[in-house]
Amino acid sequence: MKKFLNAFVKDEDGAVTVDWVVLTAAIVGIAIAVALTIEDGLQAVATDISDGLAAAVTEALT
């Protein structure tokens, strides 16, 4: 039993997994924060593009 406990304490595979989970969570959190920050600007640009395309199609058809 003592041998098993020593091997368990020395095993670092779990620690590496925890590191990757924390790093991934941080990256996802940052990505969500950036997306929420630029959401209004992106919506405005998408509306402008949509309006421009609709005007171009209308002009081309007439």
PDB file of N, CA and C in Angstrom:
ATOM      1  N   MET A   1       0.823  -1.193   0.000  1.00  0.00           N
ATOM      2  CA  MET A   1       0.000   0.000   0.000  1.00  0.00           C
ATOM      3  C   MET A   1       0.866   1.256   0.000  1.00  0.00           C
ATOM      4  N   LYS A   2       1.953   1.216   0.753  1.00  0.00           N
ATOM      5  CA  LYS A   2       2.846   2.369   0.824  1.00  0.00           C
ATOM      6  C   LYS A   2       3.481   2.637  -0.544  1.00  0.00           C
ATOM      7  N   LYS A   3       3.804   1.583  -1.264  1.00  0.00           N
ATOM      8  CA  LYS A   3       4.388   1.714  -2.592  1.00  0.00           C
ATOM      9  C   LYS A   3       3.392   2.398  -3.532  1.00  0.00           C
ATOM     10  N   PHE A   4       2.131   2.003  -3.428  1.00  0.00           N
ATOM     11  CA  PHE A   4       1.080   2.601  -4.263  1.00  0.00           C
ATOM     12  C   PHE A   4       0.933   4.093  -3.961  1.00  0.00           C
ATOM     13  N   LEU A   5       0.914   4.463  -2.683  1.00  0.00           N
ATOM     14  CA  LEU A   5       0.772   5.867  -2.307  1.00  0.00           C
ATOM     15  C   LEU A   5       1.957   6.700  -2.785  1.00  0.00           C
ATOM     16  N   ASN A   6       3.161   6.162  -2.671  1.00  0.00           N
ATOM     17  CA  ASN A   6       4.345   6.883  -3.147  1.00  0.00           C
ATOM     18  C   ASN A   6       4.283   7.092  -4.662  1.00  0.00           C
ATOM     19  N   ALA A   7       3.859   6.070  -5.382  1.00  0.00           N
ATOM     20  CA  ALA A   7       3.739   6.199  -6.835  1.00  0.00           C
ATOM     21  C   ALA A   7       2.655   7.221  -7.192  1.00  0.00           C
ATOM     22  N   PHE A   8       1.567   7.216  -6.447  1.00  0.00           N
ATOM     23  CA  PHE A   8       0.476   8.168  -6.699  1.00  0.00           C
ATOM     24  C   PHE A   8       0.936   9.605  -6.468  1.00  0.00           C
ATOM     25  N   VAL A   9       1.688   9.847  -5.411  1.00  0.00           N
ATOM     26  CA  VAL A   9       2.166  11.186  -5.087  1.00  0.00           C
ATOM     27  C   VAL A   9       3.172  11.671  -6.127  1.00  0.00           C
ATOM     28  N   LYS A  10       4.006  10.772  -6.631  1.00  0.00           N
ATOM     29  CA  LYS A  10       5.034  11.151  -7.597  1.00  0.00           C
ATOM     30  C   LYS A  10       4.502  11.287  -9.020  1.00  0.00           C
ATOM     31  N   ASP A  11       3.343  10.749  -9.296  1.00  0.00           N
ATOM     32  CA  ASP A  11       2.762  10.786 -10.643  1.00  0.00           C
ATOM     33  C   ASP A  11       2.339  12.218 -10.978  1.00  0.00           C
ATOM     34  N   GLU A  12       2.828  12.756 -12.104  1.00  0.00           N
ATOM     35  CA  GLU A  12       2.544  14.140 -12.492  1.00  0.00           C
ATOM     36  C   GLU A  12       1.563  14.244 -13.650  1.00  0.00           C
ATOM     37  N   ASP A  13       1.047  13.133 -14.155  1.00  0.00           N
ATOM     38  CA  ASP A  13       0.123  13.181 -15.287  1.00  0.00           C
ATOM     39  C   ASP A  13      -1.129  13.988 -14.963  1.00  0.00           C
ATOM     40  N   GLY A  14      -1.670  13.832 -13.792  1.00  0.00           N
ATOM     41  CA  GLY A  14      -2.862  14.577 -13.402  1.00  0.00           C
ATOM     42  C   GLY A  14      -2.600  16.065 -13.330  1.00  0.00           C
ATOM     43  N   ALA A  15      -1.418  16.449 -12.862  1.00  0.00           N
ATOM     44  CA  ALA A  15      -1.064  17.858 -12.752  1.00  0.00           C
ATOM     45  C   ALA A  15      -0.994  18.504 -14.135  1.00  0.00           C
ATOM     46  N   VAL A  16      -0.465  17.794 -15.099  1.00  0.00           N
ATOM     47  CA  VAL A  16      -0.380  18.316 -16.457  1.00  0.00           C
ATOM     48  C   VAL A  16      -1.781  18.496 -17.040  1.00  0.00           C
ATOM     49  N   THR A  17      -2.645  17.559 -16.774  1.00  0.00           N
ATOM     50  CA  THR A  17      -4.027  17.655 -17.244  1.00  0.00           C
ATOM     51  C   THR A  17      -4.711  18.871 -16.642  1.00  0.00           C
ATOM     52  N   VAL A  18      -4.514  19.090 -15.371  1.00  0.00           N
ATOM     53  CA  VAL A  18      -5.105  20.258 -14.715  1.00  0.00           C
ATOM     54  C   VAL A  18      -4.568  21.540 -15.336  1.00  0.00           C
ATOM     55  N   ASP A  19      -3.280  21.582 -15.627  1.00  0.00           N
ATOM     56  CA  ASP A  19      -2.696  22.760 -16.268  1.00  0.00           C
ATOM     57  C   ASP A  19      -3.367  23.042 -17.606  1.00  0.00           C
ATOM     58  N   TRP A  20      -3.547  22.015 -18.417  1.00  0.00           N
ATOM     59  CA  TRP A  20      -4.179  22.199 -19.725  1.00  0.00           C
ATOM     60  C   TRP A  20      -5.632  22.642 -19.593  1.00  0.00           C
ATOM     61  N   VAL A  21      -6.334  22.103 -18.628  1.00  0.00           N
ATOM     62  CA  VAL A  21      -7.732  22.503 -18.414  1.00  0.00           C
ATOM     63  C   VAL A  21      -7.806  23.968 -18.006  1.00  0.00           C
ATOM     64  N   VAL A  22      -6.932  24.392 -17.130  1.00  0.00           N
ATOM     65  CA  VAL A  22      -6.924  25.792 -16.687  1.00  0.00           C
ATOM     66  C   VAL A  22      -6.559  26.719 -17.845  1.00  0.00           C
ATOM     67  N   LEU A  23      -5.560  26.359 -18.615  1.00  0.00           N
ATOM     68  CA  LEU A  23      -5.168  27.188 -19.763  1.00  0.00           C
ATOM     69  C   LEU A  23      -6.282  27.269 -20.800  1.00  0.00           C
ATOM     70  N   THR A  24      -6.924  26.148 -21.073  1.00  0.00           N
ATOM     71  CA  THR A  24      -8.025  26.138 -22.037  1.00  0.00           C
ATOM     72  C   THR A  24      -9.184  26.994 -21.542  1.00  0.00           C
ATOM     73  N   ALA A  25      -9.503  26.894 -20.274  1.00  0.00           N
ATOM     74  CA  ALA A  25     -10.585  27.710 -19.713  1.00  0.00           C
ATOM     75  C   ALA A  25     -10.251  29.198 -19.802  1.00  0.00           C
ATOM     76  N   ALA A  26      -8.999  29.545 -19.570  1.00  0.00           N
ATOM     77  CA  ALA A  26      -8.589  30.945 -19.668  1.00  0.00           C
ATOM     78  C   ALA A  26      -8.719  31.447 -21.102  1.00  0.00           C
ATOM     79  N   ILE A  27      -8.302  30.647 -22.065  1.00  0.00           N
ATOM     80  CA  ILE A  27      -8.395  31.049 -23.468  1.00  0.00           C
ATOM     81  C   ILE A  27      -9.855  31.208 -23.886  1.00  0.00           C
ATOM     82  N   VAL A  28     -10.706  30.292 -23.479  1.00  0.00           N
ATOM     83  CA  VAL A  28     -12.128  30.383 -23.809  1.00  0.00           C
ATOM     84  C   VAL A  28     -12.733  31.622 -23.159  1.00  0.00           C
ATOM     85  N   GLY A  29     -12.384  31.894 -21.919  1.00  0.00           N
ATOM     86  CA  GLY A  29     -12.882  33.091 -21.231  1.00  0.00           C
ATOM     87  C   GLY A  29     -12.465  34.373 -21.924  1.00  0.00           C
ATOM     88  N   ILE A  30     -11.219  34.426 -22.350  1.00  0.00           N
ATOM     89  CA  ILE A  30     -10.732  35.611 -23.067  1.00  0.00           C
ATOM     90  C   ILE A  30     -11.452  35.757 -24.401  1.00  0.00           C
ATOM     91  N   ALA A  31     -11.655  34.648 -25.106  1.00  0.00           N
ATOM     92  CA  ALA A  31     -12.357  34.708 -26.394  1.00  0.00           C
ATOM     93  C   ALA A  31     -13.791  35.204 -26.222  1.00  0.00           C
ATOM     94  N   ILE A  32     -14.464  34.751 -25.185  1.00  0.00           N
ATOM     95  CA  ILE A  32     -15.831  35.210 -24.927  1.00  0.00           C
ATOM     96  C   ILE A  32     -15.836  36.691 -24.584  1.00  0.00           C
ATOM     97  N   ALA A  33     -14.892  37.139 -23.780  1.00  0.00           N
ATOM     98  CA  ALA A  33     -14.809  38.554 -23.417  1.00  0.00           C
ATOM     99  C   ALA A  33     -14.559  39.417 -24.647  1.00  0.00           C
ATOM    100  N   VAL A  34     -13.685  38.973 -25.532  1.00  0.00           N
ATOM    101  CA  VAL A  34     -13.413  39.732 -26.760  1.00  0.00           C
ATOM    102  C   VAL A  34     -14.653  39.763 -27.646  1.00  0.00           C
ATOM    103  N   ALA A  35     -15.322  38.635 -27.788  1.00  0.00           N
ATOM    104  CA  ALA A  35     -16.519  38.581 -28.624  1.00  0.00           C
ATOM    105  C   ALA A  35     -17.606  39.505 -28.091  1.00  0.00           C
ATOM    106  N   LEU A  36     -17.795  39.526 -26.786  1.00  0.00           N
ATOM    107  CA  LEU A  36     -18.801  40.406 -26.204  1.00  0.00           C
ATOM    108  C   LEU A  36     -18.421  41.877 -26.347  1.00  0.00           C
ATOM    109  N   THR A  37     -17.131  42.165 -26.319  1.00  0.00           N
ATOM    110  CA  THR A  37     -16.667  43.540 -26.437  1.00  0.00           C
ATOM    111  C   THR A  37     -16.890  44.093 -27.840  1.00  0.00           C
ATOM    112  N   ILE A  38     -16.654  43.282 -28.865  1.00  0.00           N
ATOM    113  CA  ILE A  38     -16.753  43.781 -30.239  1.00  0.00           C
ATOM    114  C   ILE A  38     -18.069  43.423 -30.914  1.00  0.00           C
ATOM    115  N   GLU A  39     -19.005  42.860 -30.148  1.00  0.00           N
ATOM    116  CA  GLU A  39     -20.268  42.398 -30.729  1.00  0.00           C
ATOM    117  C   GLU A  39     -21.040  43.534 -31.412  1.00  0.00           C
ATOM    118  N   ASP A  40     -21.154  44.687 -30.769  1.00  0.00           N
ATOM    119  CA  ASP A  40     -21.917  45.796 -31.339  1.00  0.00           C
ATOM    120  C   ASP A  40     -21.283  46.296 -32.639  1.00  0.00           C
ATOM    121  N   GLY A  41     -19.980  46.420 -32.645  1.00  0.00           N
ATOM    122  CA  GLY A  41     -19.283  46.862 -33.851  1.00  0.00           C
ATOM    123  C   GLY A  41     -19.454  45.873 -34.992  1.00  0.00           C
ATOM    124  N   LEU A  42     -19.373  44.594 -34.692  1.00  0.00           N
ATOM    125  CA  LEU A  42     -19.551  43.575 -35.724  1.00  0.00           C
ATOM    126  C   LEU A  42     -20.970  43.599 -36.280  1.00  0.00           C
ATOM    127  N   GLN A  43     -21.947  43.822 -35.414  1.00  0.00           N
ATOM    128  CA  GLN A  43     -23.340  43.886 -35.864  1.00  0.00           C
ATOM    129  C   GLN A  43     -23.540  45.075 -36.796  1.00  0.00           C
ATOM    130  N   ALA A  44     -22.933  46.209 -36.474  1.00  0.00           N
ATOM    131  CA  ALA A  44     -23.044  47.397 -37.325  1.00  0.00           C
ATOM    132  C   ALA A  44     -22.405  47.150 -38.688  1.00  0.00           C
ATOM    133  N   VAL A  45     -21.247  46.525 -38.707  1.00  0.00           N
ATOM    134  CA  VAL A  45     -20.566  46.235 -39.969  1.00  0.00           C
ATOM    135  C   VAL A  45     -21.381  45.243 -40.793  1.00  0.00           C
ATOM    136  N   ALA A  46     -21.929  44.236 -40.148  1.00  0.00           N
ATOM    137  CA  ALA A  46     -22.744  43.248 -40.865  1.00  0.00           C
ATOM    138  C   ALA A  46     -23.978  43.901 -41.466  1.00  0.00           C
ATOM    139  N   THR A  47     -24.592  44.830 -40.748  1.00  0.00           N
ATOM    140  CA  THR A  47     -25.763  45.548 -41.267  1.00  0.00           C
ATOM    141  C   THR A  47     -25.373  46.405 -42.462  1.00  0.00           C
ATOM    142  N   ASP A  48     -24.254  47.090 -42.376  1.00  0.00           N
ATOM    143  CA  ASP A  48     -23.788  47.920 -43.498  1.00  0.00           C
ATOM    144  C   ASP A  48     -23.517  47.063 -44.731  1.00  0.00           C
ATOM    145  N   ILE A  49     -22.896  45.921 -44.546  1.00  0.00           N
ATOM    146  CA  ILE A  49     -22.613  45.025 -45.674  1.00  0.00           C
ATOM    147  C   ILE A  49     -23.920  44.514 -46.272  1.00  0.00           C
ATOM    148  N   SER A  50     -24.849  44.121 -45.419  1.00  0.00           N
ATOM    149  CA  SER A  50     -26.141  43.629 -45.900  1.00  0.00           C
ATOM    150  C   SER A  50     -26.879  44.699 -46.697  1.00  0.00           C
ATOM    151  N   ASP A  51     -26.895  45.911 -46.171  1.00  0.00           N
ATOM    152  CA  ASP A  51     -27.565  47.013 -46.871  1.00  0.00           C
ATOM    153  C   ASP A  51     -26.881  47.306 -48.207  1.00  0.00           C
ATOM    154  N   GLY A  52     -25.567  47.272 -48.229  1.00  0.00           N
ATOM    155  CA  GLY A  52     -24.822  47.521 -49.463  1.00  0.00           C
ATOM    156  C   GLY A  52     -25.081  46.450 -50.513  1.00  0.00           C
ATOM    157  N   LEU A  53     -25.113  45.199 -50.074  1.00  0.00           N
ATOM    158  CA  LEU A  53     -25.393  44.111 -51.012  1.00  0.00           C
ATOM    159  C   LEU A  53     -26.818  44.196 -51.548  1.00  0.00           C
ATOM    160  N   ALA A  54     -27.773  44.514 -50.678  1.00  0.00           N
ATOM    161  CA  ALA A  54     -29.154  44.639 -51.122  1.00  0.00           C
ATOM    162  C   ALA A  54     -29.289  45.781 -52.135  1.00  0.00           C
ATOM    163  N   ALA A  55     -28.612  46.881 -51.903  1.00  0.00           N
ATOM    164  CA  ALA A  55     -28.653  48.008 -52.830  1.00  0.00           C
ATOM    165  C   ALA A  55     -28.007  47.625 -54.151  1.00  0.00           C
ATOM    166  N   ALA A  56     -26.905  46.909 -54.111  1.00  0.00           N
ATOM    167  CA  ALA A  56     -26.222  46.499 -55.342  1.00  0.00           C
ATOM    168  C   ALA A  56     -27.088  45.536 -56.151  1.00  0.00           C
ATOM    169  N   VAL A  57     -27.751  44.616 -55.489  1.00  0.00           N
ATOM    170  CA  VAL A  57     -28.615  43.671 -56.186  1.00  0.00           C
ATOM    171  C   VAL A  57     -29.808  44.398 -56.800  1.00  0.00           C
ATOM    172  N   THR A  58     -30.396  45.309 -56.050  1.00  0.00           N
ATOM    173  CA  THR A  58     -31.539  46.078 -56.548  1.00  0.00           C
ATOM    174  C   THR A  58     -31.124  46.901 -57.769  1.00  0.00           C
ATOM    175  N   GLU A  59     -29.962  47.509 -57.696  1.00  0.00           N
ATOM    176  CA  GLU A  59     -29.462  48.322 -58.808  1.00  0.00           C
ATOM    177  C   GLU A  59     -29.159  47.449 -60.024  1.00  0.00           C
ATOM    178  N   ALA A  60     -28.631  46.279 -59.790  1.00  0.00           N
ATOM    179  CA  ALA A  60     -28.281  45.392 -60.903  1.00  0.00           C
ATOM    180  C   ALA A  60     -29.523  44.847 -61.599  1.00  0.00           C
ATOM    181  N   LEU A  61     -30.596  44.671 -60.852  1.00  0.00           N
ATOM    182  CA  LEU A  61     -31.813  44.127 -61.425  1.00  0.00           C
ATOM    183  C   LEU A  61     -32.660  45.173 -62.155  1.00  0.00           C
ATOM    184  N   THR A  62     -32.371  46.444 -61.922  1.00  0.00           N
ATOM    185  CA  THR A  62     -33.174  47.483 -62.593  1.00  0.00           C
ATOM    186  C   THR A  62     -32.454  48.091 -63.759  1.00  0.00           C
TER     187      THR A  62
END
